[in-house]
């Protein structure tokens, strides 16, 4: 009879699978709770000790680590000498290994987990059997996911449990054990920090650090304040990414992952004042990132409003003395270096997306004026400032900006003209020196028409719509200067 070893933590479907294996001529060997579940259902099953002639020891830590298990799994059946050695040692061939591992990730996700709990949930025998069987996939079937049970039984019945299919199962095994090992490394590297909760109190959360570099949020030096929250971390990272884009002194205020005010100037104090004036209402309770040292004078200004987090490359001791009077405010020192090799990772159901960061920086000479009217120098400065900012605003994004600050921001609307209307309604000023910046092209001329009615005289946008000419014609009709970049800045 063919032999199968079954040892699973996730027992979903295991009894029905075991019954089907028996009906298809397999002799079953199992361990612990898996064996009890199968036996209680009336399915014939033997203990792994019947195979090894060796009792489980050390609370089950040692049970499958035995030549009778691994010899039977690893033997290359195309080599007569392997089969002869098995015969000499009285070891039977193992044809199938059905294993899923101790629930390490689920265990350490509990904020109250102890290190001993984590250690006891590191599976040793399971990964060893899986890897051995996967290595020998030409002869052995390896099953790690309950979702594969039905197809395996169907293939057994139709005699289609072939080498190509076993190879596909092998790949799943090594993906699974790779993720399992990575979870163990992440936990014991002390790079996982449990948070009070996630975006909302009903959501548990933790912060996993994959880097301790000083130019990253994970490598920031927290000088003061309580633990960062889940939302603080996301907002702070958004503010940090944007403020790094500026060479001149710059200040960025972020609220709910969108900049609410951005200012630049010859001094950091003045840059902050511009950012504050851009939206003095929304900055309350927000995150502020600055790309220059915070000294006492700026600290006194910052101390005057409620902020969750302040980020800067350095705080003087006098500034710390002022700001630390508020016990909860988080003060983070972070290197402002841009790392163009950084990637963004976003989780989705069943996987994750990875992309390079949107760090593309265009120069003025790389952009195209497409209208009869050329932008003024003040309008160029406004467009270049806004073009840096719009990459950090949720799409659809429309920004109004002058040369020193954002003056209106419309974010995250389902249509572009809606975002433009919000930016216009929130604008602190609109005059000839204020430019409109769009993260994506105009699919029709309605946004340009709205800009014209509102007094906007300069627009910068990616271009590339099949109706570009309609927008250009509308701009020419109203004497608006329009620049296209050939690059879009979507942020979802």
Protein backbone atom coordinates (compact mmCIF):
# COMPACT_ATOMS: atom_id res chain seq x y z
CA UNK A 1 0.00 0.00 0.00
CA UNK A 2 1.04 3.59 -0.57
CA UNK A 3 1.76 5.50 2.59
CA UNK A 4 0.84 9.08 3.59
CA UNK A 5 1.86 11.11 6.60
CA UNK A 6 -0.74 13.62 7.82
CA UNK A 7 0.14 16.21 10.49
CA UNK A 8 -1.76 19.47 10.33
CA UNK A 9 -2.46 22.44 12.58
CA UNK A 10 -5.28 23.66 10.34
CA UNK A 11 -7.64 20.67 10.38
CA UNK A 12 -10.12 22.09 7.87
CA UNK A 13 -11.19 19.24 5.59
CA UNK A 14 -8.59 16.81 6.94
CA UNK A 15 -11.02 14.06 7.97
CA UNK A 16 -12.75 13.94 4.57
CA UNK A 17 -9.35 14.05 2.85
CA UNK A 18 -8.05 11.20 5.02
CA UNK A 19 -11.15 9.12 4.23
CA UNK A 20 -10.67 9.71 0.50
CA UNK A 21 -6.99 8.73 0.71
CA UNK A 22 -7.96 5.49 2.44
CA UNK A 23 -10.52 4.76 -0.26
CA UNK A 24 -7.80 5.29 -2.85
CA UNK A 25 -5.47 2.75 -1.30
CA UNK A 26 -3.34 4.80 1.10
CA UNK A 27 -2.18 3.69 4.53
CA UNK A 28 -2.24 6.67 6.88
CA UNK A 29 0.21 7.68 9.60
CA UNK A 30 -0.35 10.69 11.80
CA UNK A 31 0.50 12.54 15.01
CA UNK A 32 -1.21 14.09 18.01
CA UNK A 33 -4.40 16.01 17.40
CA UNK A 34 -4.52 15.13 13.71
CA UNK A 35 -4.50 11.42 14.49
CA UNK A 36 -7.23 11.85 17.11
CA UNK A 37 -9.47 13.75 14.70
CA UNK A 38 -9.05 11.11 12.00
CA UNK A 39 -9.46 8.15 14.35
CA UNK A 40 -12.55 9.61 16.04
CA UNK A 41 -14.16 9.81 12.61
CA UNK A 42 -13.62 6.09 12.16
CA UNK A 43 -10.90 6.42 9.51
CA UNK A 44 -8.06 3.85 9.86
CA UNK A 45 -4.87 5.63 10.93
CA UNK A 46 -1.64 4.62 12.65
CA UNK A 47 0.66 6.58 14.92
CA UNK A 48 3.91 7.90 13.49
CA UNK A 49 5.53 5.84 16.25
CA UNK A 50 4.33 2.67 14.47
CA UNK A 51 6.41 3.84 11.51
CA UNK A 52 9.51 4.85 13.46
CA UNK A 53 9.29 2.32 16.29
CA UNK A 54 10.23 5.26 18.51
CA UNK A 55 8.01 7.06 21.01
CA UNK A 56 7.41 10.81 20.80
CA UNK A 57 9.62 12.60 23.35
CA UNK A 58 10.11 16.09 24.78
CA UNK A 59 6.41 17.00 24.71
CA UNK A 60 6.24 16.09 21.05
CA UNK A 61 9.25 18.18 19.98
CA UNK A 62 10.83 15.01 18.60
CA UNK A 63 8.53 12.64 16.75
CA UNK A 64 9.04 12.85 12.97
CA UNK A 65 12.79 13.59 12.96
CA UNK A 66 13.72 10.00 12.22
CA UNK A 67 15.35 8.03 9.34
CA UNK A 68 12.19 5.93 8.93
CA UNK A 69 10.35 9.13 8.05
CA UNK A 70 12.95 11.04 6.09
CA UNK A 71 14.52 8.02 4.42
CA UNK A 72 11.10 7.01 3.14
CA UNK A 73 10.44 10.54 1.89
CA UNK A 74 13.82 11.40 0.36
CA UNK A 75 14.72 8.15 -1.41
CA UNK A 76 15.31 8.68 -5.13
CA UNK A 77 13.32 5.83 -6.64
CA UNK A 78 15.30 6.05 -9.88
CA UNK A 79 18.43 4.93 -8.01
CA UNK A 80 18.53 1.21 -7.17
CA UNK A 81 21.11 1.82 -4.44
CA UNK A 82 18.65 4.09 -2.57
CA UNK A 83 15.96 1.42 -2.69
CA UNK A 84 18.46 -1.25 -1.59
CA UNK A 85 19.51 0.86 1.40
CA UNK A 86 15.84 1.28 2.40
CA UNK A 87 15.39 -2.48 2.20
CA UNK A 88 18.47 -3.07 4.35
CA UNK A 89 17.18 -0.63 6.99
CA UNK A 90 13.61 -1.95 6.76
CA UNK A 91 12.30 1.50 5.81
CA UNK A 92 9.14 1.84 3.72
CA UNK A 93 8.59 4.45 1.02
CA UNK A 94 6.44 7.47 1.85
CA UNK A 95 4.31 8.62 -1.08
CA UNK A 96 2.51 11.66 0.30
CA UNK A 97 3.18 14.26 3.01
CA UNK A 98 0.23 16.37 4.18
CA UNK A 99 1.45 19.05 6.58
CA UNK A 100 0.61 22.59 7.57
CA UNK A 101 2.55 24.33 10.25
CA UNK A 102 2.13 25.53 13.80
CA UNK A 103 0.26 28.88 13.77
CA UNK A 104 3.27 31.11 14.42
CA UNK A 105 1.91 34.25 12.72
CA UNK A 106 -1.44 33.96 14.45
CA UNK A 107 0.27 33.44 17.81
CA UNK A 108 2.58 36.47 17.61
CA UNK A 109 -0.26 38.67 16.30
CA UNK A 110 -1.66 38.57 19.82
CA UNK A 111 -0.37 41.74 21.56
CA UNK A 112 -0.08 39.77 24.82
CA UNK A 113 2.07 37.00 23.35
CA UNK A 114 5.16 35.99 25.33
CA UNK A 115 8.46 34.97 23.83
CA UNK A 116 7.94 31.44 25.19
CA UNK A 117 4.59 31.25 23.39
CA UNK A 118 6.30 32.30 20.19
CA UNK A 119 9.10 29.75 20.60
CA UNK A 120 6.68 26.89 21.21
CA UNK A 121 4.95 27.75 17.95
CA UNK A 122 8.08 27.43 15.84
CA UNK A 123 7.50 24.24 13.87
CA UNK A 124 10.57 22.09 13.26
CA UNK A 125 9.37 18.67 12.13
CA UNK A 126 6.70 20.09 9.83
CA UNK A 127 8.95 22.27 7.65
CA UNK A 128 11.56 19.51 7.60
CA UNK A 129 9.10 16.96 6.22
CA UNK A 130 7.65 19.49 3.77
CA UNK A 131 11.01 20.50 2.40
CA UNK A 132 12.17 16.90 2.13
CA UNK A 133 9.03 15.86 0.25
CA UNK A 134 9.10 18.96 -1.96
CA UNK A 135 12.72 18.29 -2.86
CA UNK A 136 11.67 14.80 -3.98
CA UNK A 137 8.55 15.98 -5.84
CA UNK A 138 9.32 13.65 -8.76
CA UNK A 139 8.21 10.79 -6.53
CA UNK A 140 6.36 12.31 -3.55
CA UNK A 141 3.21 14.44 -3.36
CA UNK A 142 3.43 17.35 -0.93
CA UNK A 143 0.28 19.02 0.36
CA UNK A 144 0.42 22.22 2.40
CA UNK A 145 -2.91 23.94 1.62
CA UNK A 146 -6.34 22.43 2.48
CA UNK A 147 -7.66 24.20 -0.63
CA UNK A 148 -5.78 21.60 -2.72
CA UNK A 149 -7.41 18.54 -1.12
CA UNK A 150 -10.29 18.20 -3.58
CA UNK A 151 -8.12 18.49 -6.69
CA UNK A 152 -5.66 15.94 -5.34
CA UNK A 153 -8.42 13.41 -4.72
CA UNK A 154 -9.90 14.01 -8.15
CA UNK A 155 -6.48 13.52 -9.74
CA UNK A 156 -5.96 10.32 -7.73
CA UNK A 157 -9.25 8.95 -9.01
CA UNK A 158 -8.37 9.85 -12.59
CA UNK A 159 -4.72 8.73 -12.27
CA UNK A 160 -3.51 12.26 -13.04
CA UNK A 161 -1.38 12.96 -9.98
CA UNK A 162 1.53 13.51 -12.35
CA UNK A 163 4.99 15.03 -11.97
CA UNK A 164 4.01 18.45 -13.36
CA UNK A 165 1.25 18.79 -10.81
CA UNK A 166 3.51 17.60 -7.99
CA UNK A 167 6.00 20.26 -9.08
CA UNK A 168 3.32 22.95 -8.73
CA UNK A 169 2.67 21.70 -5.19
CA UNK A 170 6.42 21.83 -4.49
CA UNK A 171 6.49 25.52 -5.38
CA UNK A 172 3.64 26.19 -2.95
CA UNK A 173 5.58 24.43 -0.21
CA UNK A 174 8.70 26.54 -0.57
CA UNK A 175 6.63 29.73 -0.80
CA UNK A 176 4.88 28.70 2.41
CA UNK A 177 8.02 27.80 4.35
CA UNK A 178 9.75 30.96 3.12
CA UNK A 179 6.92 33.13 4.49
CA UNK A 180 6.93 31.11 7.71
CA UNK A 181 10.66 31.62 8.26
CA UNK A 182 10.36 35.33 7.43
CA UNK A 183 7.65 35.72 10.09
CA UNK A 184 9.96 34.16 12.67
CA UNK A 185 12.85 36.42 11.67
CA UNK A 186 10.61 39.50 11.82
CA UNK A 187 9.42 38.66 15.31
CA UNK A 188 12.77 37.86 16.86
CA UNK A 189 14.64 40.73 15.24
CA UNK A 190 12.69 42.88 17.69
CA UNK A 191 11.40 44.90 14.77
CA UNK A 192 7.72 44.40 15.46
CA UNK A 193 6.05 46.94 17.69
CA UNK A 194 2.52 46.35 18.91
CA UNK A 195 0.34 49.45 18.56
CA UNK A 196 -2.63 50.37 20.71
CA UNK A 197 -4.91 49.79 17.71
CA UNK A 198 -5.09 50.38 13.97
CA UNK A 199 -7.00 52.99 12.02
CA UNK A 200 -9.91 52.42 14.41
CA UNK A 201 -10.07 51.03 17.97
CA UNK A 202 -11.68 47.79 16.80
CA UNK A 203 -8.62 46.97 14.65
CA UNK A 204 -5.47 45.43 16.15
CA UNK A 205 -2.19 46.57 14.62
CA UNK A 206 1.57 46.49 14.86
CA UNK A 207 4.50 48.22 13.18
CA UNK A 208 7.07 45.95 11.50
CA UNK A 209 10.41 47.62 10.83
CA UNK A 210 12.24 46.40 7.74
CA UNK A 211 14.97 49.03 8.05
CA UNK A 212 16.63 51.10 10.74
CA UNK A 213 18.21 53.57 8.31
CA UNK A 214 18.21 57.12 9.70
CA UNK A 215 16.47 58.51 6.59
CA UNK A 216 13.39 56.31 7.16
CA UNK A 217 10.49 56.73 9.52
CA UNK A 218 11.32 53.34 11.05
CA UNK A 219 14.83 54.60 11.82
CA UNK A 220 13.69 57.93 13.26
CA UNK A 221 15.00 59.02 16.63
CA UNK A 222 12.03 59.84 18.84
CA UNK A 223 13.13 62.56 21.24
CA UNK A 224 9.88 63.09 23.08
CA UNK A 225 6.25 62.09 23.35
CA UNK A 226 4.05 59.04 23.59
CA UNK A 227 4.08 56.07 21.22
CA UNK A 228 3.21 56.80 17.61
CA UNK A 229 -0.22 55.52 16.59
CA UNK A 230 -1.04 53.65 13.39
CA UNK A 231 -2.45 56.82 11.82
CA UNK A 232 0.48 58.91 13.09
CA UNK A 233 2.90 56.57 11.34
CA UNK A 234 1.10 56.74 8.00
CA UNK A 235 0.65 60.52 8.12
CA UNK A 236 4.23 61.10 9.28
CA UNK A 237 5.58 59.01 6.41
CA UNK A 238 3.49 61.01 3.92
CA UNK A 239 4.79 64.29 5.36
CA UNK A 240 8.39 63.06 5.38
CA UNK A 241 8.25 61.86 1.76
CA UNK A 242 6.97 65.24 0.57
CA UNK A 243 9.22 67.54 2.57
CA UNK A 244 12.27 65.66 1.26
CA UNK A 245 11.42 66.83 -2.27
CA UNK A 246 12.44 70.42 -1.50
CA UNK A 247 15.97 71.78 -1.52
CA UNK A 248 15.04 75.17 -0.09
CA UNK A 249 13.64 75.49 3.46
CA UNK A 250 10.20 73.84 3.38
CA UNK A 251 7.39 72.98 5.77
CA UNK A 252 4.67 70.40 5.14
CA UNK A 253 1.50 69.92 7.16
CA UNK A 254 -0.39 66.64 6.63
CA UNK A 255 -3.85 65.58 7.73
CA UNK A 256 -5.35 62.17 6.93
CA UNK A 257 -2.61 61.29 4.43
CA UNK A 258 -3.02 64.49 2.39
CA UNK A 259 -0.97 67.68 2.66
CA UNK A 260 -3.14 70.51 3.92
CA UNK A 261 -0.47 73.17 3.69
CA UNK A 262 2.98 73.42 2.13
CA UNK A 263 5.27 76.44 2.33
CA UNK A 264 8.76 77.36 1.13
CA UNK A 265 10.92 80.38 1.93
CA UNK A 266 14.47 81.49 2.59
CA UNK A 267 14.14 80.49 6.25
CA UNK A 268 12.39 77.54 7.90
CA UNK A 269 10.46 79.85 10.24
CA UNK A 270 8.98 81.70 7.29
CA UNK A 271 8.34 78.47 5.37
CA UNK A 272 6.32 77.15 8.31
CA UNK A 273 4.33 80.38 8.47
CA UNK A 274 3.41 79.98 4.81
CA UNK A 275 2.34 76.38 5.38
CA UNK A 276 0.25 77.40 8.38
CA UNK A 277 -1.45 80.22 6.49
CA UNK A 278 -2.24 77.88 3.58
CA UNK A 279 -4.88 76.18 5.78
CA UNK A 280 -4.83 77.36 9.37
CA UNK A 281 -7.91 75.27 10.16
CA UNK A 282 -6.87 71.84 8.90
CA UNK A 283 -3.37 71.93 10.39
CA UNK A 284 -4.88 71.61 13.87
CA UNK A 285 -4.12 68.10 15.15
CA UNK A 286 -1.93 67.37 12.13
CA UNK A 287 1.62 66.33 11.37
CA UNK A 288 4.30 68.90 10.50
CA UNK A 289 7.52 67.99 8.70
CA UNK A 290 10.38 70.50 8.31
CA UNK A 291 13.60 70.05 6.36
CA UNK A 292 15.76 72.34 8.50
CA UNK A 293 16.81 72.45 12.15
CA UNK A 294 14.09 73.60 14.56
CA UNK A 295 15.38 76.35 16.82
CA UNK A 296 13.78 78.09 19.77
CA UNK A 297 11.91 80.77 17.81
CA UNK A 298 10.14 78.23 15.59
CA UNK A 299 9.55 75.92 18.54
CA UNK A 300 7.66 78.69 20.31
CA UNK A 301 5.46 79.15 17.24
CA UNK A 302 4.82 75.41 16.91
CA UNK A 303 4.04 75.21 20.61
CA UNK A 304 1.13 77.56 20.05
CA UNK A 305 -1.13 75.00 18.33
CA UNK A 306 -2.05 71.36 18.85
CA UNK A 307 0.10 69.07 16.69
CA UNK A 308 0.42 65.28 16.88
CA UNK A 309 3.94 64.94 15.45
CA UNK A 310 6.79 67.25 14.43
CA UNK A 311 9.53 65.90 12.14
CA UNK A 312 12.85 67.63 11.52
CA UNK A 313 16.47 66.71 10.83
CA UNK A 314 17.43 68.26 14.18
CA UNK A 315 16.00 70.06 17.21
CA UNK A 316 18.19 72.35 19.29
CA UNK A 317 18.13 71.81 23.04
CA UNK A 318 16.32 75.15 23.49
CA UNK A 319 13.66 74.02 21.01
CA UNK A 320 13.27 70.71 22.84
CA UNK A 321 12.84 72.53 26.13
CA UNK A 322 9.95 74.50 24.64
CA UNK A 323 8.20 71.71 22.78
CA UNK A 324 8.57 69.05 25.46
CA UNK A 325 6.36 71.11 27.76
CA UNK A 326 3.55 69.21 26.02
CA UNK A 327 4.05 65.64 27.23
CA UNK A 328 2.26 63.85 24.38
CA UNK A 329 3.64 65.54 21.26
CA UNK A 330 5.95 63.27 19.31
CA UNK A 331 9.23 64.81 18.19
CA UNK A 332 11.13 62.86 15.56
CA UNK A 333 14.64 63.49 14.24
CA UNK A 334 15.06 62.04 10.73
CA UNK A 335 17.78 62.36 8.11
CA UNK A 336 16.33 64.08 5.01
CA UNK A 337 18.26 62.00 2.47
CA UNK A 338 16.20 60.68 -0.46
CA UNK A 339 16.74 57.00 -1.23
CA UNK A 340 15.60 56.36 -4.80
CA UNK A 341 15.88 52.61 -4.28
CA UNK A 342 13.04 52.60 -1.75
CA UNK A 343 9.88 50.76 -2.70
CA UNK A 344 6.29 51.01 -1.54
CA UNK A 345 4.44 47.89 -0.44
CA UNK A 346 0.64 47.78 -0.13
CA UNK A 347 -1.28 44.74 1.07
CA UNK A 348 -4.28 43.43 -0.84
CA UNK A 349 -6.46 40.37 -0.34
CA UNK A 350 -4.25 37.36 -0.91
CA UNK A 351 -1.04 39.26 -1.61
CA UNK A 352 0.64 42.62 -1.88
CA UNK A 353 1.66 45.18 -4.47
CA UNK A 354 5.20 46.53 -4.74
CA UNK A 355 6.30 49.59 -6.68
CA UNK A 356 9.11 52.12 -6.83
CA UNK A 357 8.42 55.42 -5.09
CA UNK A 358 7.24 58.30 -7.26
CA UNK A 359 10.40 60.36 -6.93
CA UNK A 360 10.55 61.62 -10.52
CA UNK A 361 11.72 65.24 -10.56
CA UNK A 362 11.19 67.21 -13.78
CA UNK A 363 13.07 70.38 -14.67
CA UNK A 364 11.39 73.36 -16.24
CA UNK A 365 13.12 72.78 -19.56
CA UNK A 366 11.61 69.28 -19.73
CA UNK A 367 8.06 70.69 -19.72
CA UNK A 368 6.12 72.03 -22.70
CA UNK A 369 4.13 75.22 -23.04
CA UNK A 370 1.17 74.26 -25.26
CA UNK A 371 -0.80 77.53 -25.33
CA UNK A 372 -0.38 80.86 -27.07
CA UNK A 373 0.32 82.55 -23.73
CA UNK A 374 3.60 81.82 -21.93
CA UNK A 375 3.64 81.55 -18.11
CA UNK A 376 5.17 84.44 -16.18
CA UNK A 377 8.14 83.76 -13.91
CA UNK A 378 5.83 83.92 -10.88
CA UNK A 379 3.50 81.40 -12.49
CA UNK A 380 6.41 79.09 -13.33
CA UNK A 381 7.51 79.18 -9.69
CA UNK A 382 3.97 78.41 -8.58
CA UNK A 383 3.67 75.49 -10.99
CA UNK A 384 7.02 73.98 -10.02
CA UNK A 385 6.09 74.14 -6.33
CA UNK A 386 2.68 72.66 -6.92
CA UNK A 387 4.02 69.93 -9.19
CA UNK A 388 6.12 68.59 -6.31
CA UNK A 389 3.17 68.69 -3.93
CA UNK A 390 0.52 67.11 -6.16
CA UNK A 391 2.35 63.75 -6.16
CA UNK A 392 1.51 63.45 -2.46
CA UNK A 393 -2.20 64.25 -2.80
CA UNK A 394 -4.79 61.50 -3.23
CA UNK A 395 -6.17 61.25 -6.76
CA UNK A 396 -8.04 62.86 -8.32
CA UNK A 397 -5.89 65.76 -7.14
CA UNK A 398 -6.02 69.46 -7.97
CA UNK A 399 -3.79 72.00 -6.25
CA UNK A 400 -3.74 75.77 -6.38
CA UNK A 401 -0.36 77.21 -5.56
CA UNK A 402 1.64 80.42 -5.66
CA UNK A 403 5.42 80.61 -5.50
CA UNK A 404 5.61 80.32 -1.72
CA UNK A 405 2.74 78.04 -0.63
CA UNK A 406 -0.23 75.93 -1.57
CA UNK A 407 -3.37 78.06 -1.50
CA UNK A 408 -6.04 75.42 -2.11
CA UNK A 409 -6.09 71.60 -2.27
CA UNK A 410 -8.77 69.30 -3.66
CA UNK A 411 -8.11 65.62 -3.01
CA UNK A 412 -9.55 62.19 -3.61
CA UNK A 413 -12.62 63.01 -5.66
CA UNK A 414 -14.14 60.65 -8.20
CA UNK A 415 -13.96 63.29 -10.94
CA UNK A 416 -11.34 65.92 -11.61
CA UNK A 417 -13.66 68.91 -11.84
CA UNK A 418 -14.96 68.02 -8.35
CA UNK A 419 -11.44 68.21 -6.94
CA UNK A 420 -10.91 71.52 -8.75
CA UNK A 421 -14.07 72.96 -7.23
CA UNK A 422 -12.95 71.98 -3.73
CA UNK A 423 -9.51 73.54 -4.26
CA UNK A 424 -11.12 76.75 -5.51
CA UNK A 425 -13.64 76.87 -2.67
CA UNK A 426 -10.86 76.40 -0.08
CA UNK A 427 -8.40 78.80 -1.71
CA UNK A 428 -6.96 81.53 0.50
CA UNK A 429 -6.36 83.65 -2.59
CA UNK A 430 -6.73 83.53 -6.37
CA UNK A 431 -4.85 85.99 -8.54
CA UNK A 432 -2.66 86.04 -11.63
CA UNK A 433 0.26 84.46 -9.75
CA UNK A 434 -1.72 81.41 -8.62
CA UNK A 435 -1.42 78.27 -10.77
CA UNK A 436 -3.63 75.22 -11.00
CA UNK A 437 -1.83 71.87 -10.83
CA UNK A 438 -3.43 68.55 -11.84
CA UNK A 439 -2.01 65.09 -11.10
CA UNK A 440 -3.63 63.62 -14.23
CA UNK A 441 -4.70 64.85 -17.65
CA UNK A 442 -8.02 66.60 -18.34
CA UNK A 443 -10.42 64.17 -20.04
CA UNK A 444 -12.47 67.16 -21.20
CA UNK A 445 -12.28 70.94 -21.04
CA UNK A 446 -14.64 71.48 -18.08
CA UNK A 447 -11.86 71.82 -15.48
CA UNK A 448 -10.13 74.47 -17.61
CA UNK A 449 -13.42 76.30 -18.01
CA UNK A 450 -13.94 76.24 -14.23
CA UNK A 451 -10.39 77.55 -13.73
CA UNK A 452 -11.07 80.41 -16.14
CA UNK A 453 -14.30 81.38 -14.36
CA UNK A 454 -12.40 81.44 -11.07
CA UNK A 455 -9.64 83.72 -12.33
CA UNK A 456 -6.84 81.14 -12.76
CA UNK A 457 -4.28 82.25 -15.34
CA UNK A 458 -1.85 79.29 -15.39
CA UNK A 459 -2.30 75.51 -15.44
CA UNK A 460 0.14 72.61 -15.38
CA UNK A 461 -1.02 69.07 -16.15
CA UNK A 462 0.42 65.84 -17.61
CA UNK A 463 -1.35 65.92 -20.96
CA UNK A 464 -2.00 62.80 -22.98
CA UNK A 465 -5.79 62.85 -23.25
CA UNK A 466 -7.40 62.28 -26.64
CA UNK A 467 -9.17 65.58 -25.91
CA UNK A 468 -6.03 67.55 -25.06
CA UNK A 469 -6.74 70.02 -27.85
CA UNK A 470 -10.14 70.89 -26.39
CA UNK A 471 -8.50 71.87 -23.10
CA UNK A 472 -5.78 73.81 -24.92
CA UNK A 473 -8.40 75.64 -26.98
CA UNK A 474 -10.33 76.52 -23.83
CA UNK A 475 -7.13 77.84 -22.22
CA UNK A 476 -6.36 79.93 -25.30
CA UNK A 477 -9.91 81.26 -25.33
CA UNK A 478 -9.47 82.64 -21.81
CA UNK A 479 -5.82 83.69 -22.07
CA UNK A 480 -4.57 80.95 -19.74
CA UNK A 481 -1.00 79.66 -19.95
CA UNK A 482 -0.90 75.87 -19.99
CA UNK A 483 2.11 73.59 -19.47
CA UNK A 484 2.18 69.81 -19.99
CA UNK A 485 4.70 67.51 -18.33
CA UNK A 486 4.25 64.13 -20.00
CA UNK A 487 4.35 62.60 -16.50
CA UNK A 488 1.39 61.91 -14.24
CA UNK A 489 1.33 61.72 -10.43
CA UNK A 490 -1.58 59.42 -9.50
CA UNK A 491 -1.75 58.43 -5.83
CA UNK A 492 -4.44 55.93 -4.86
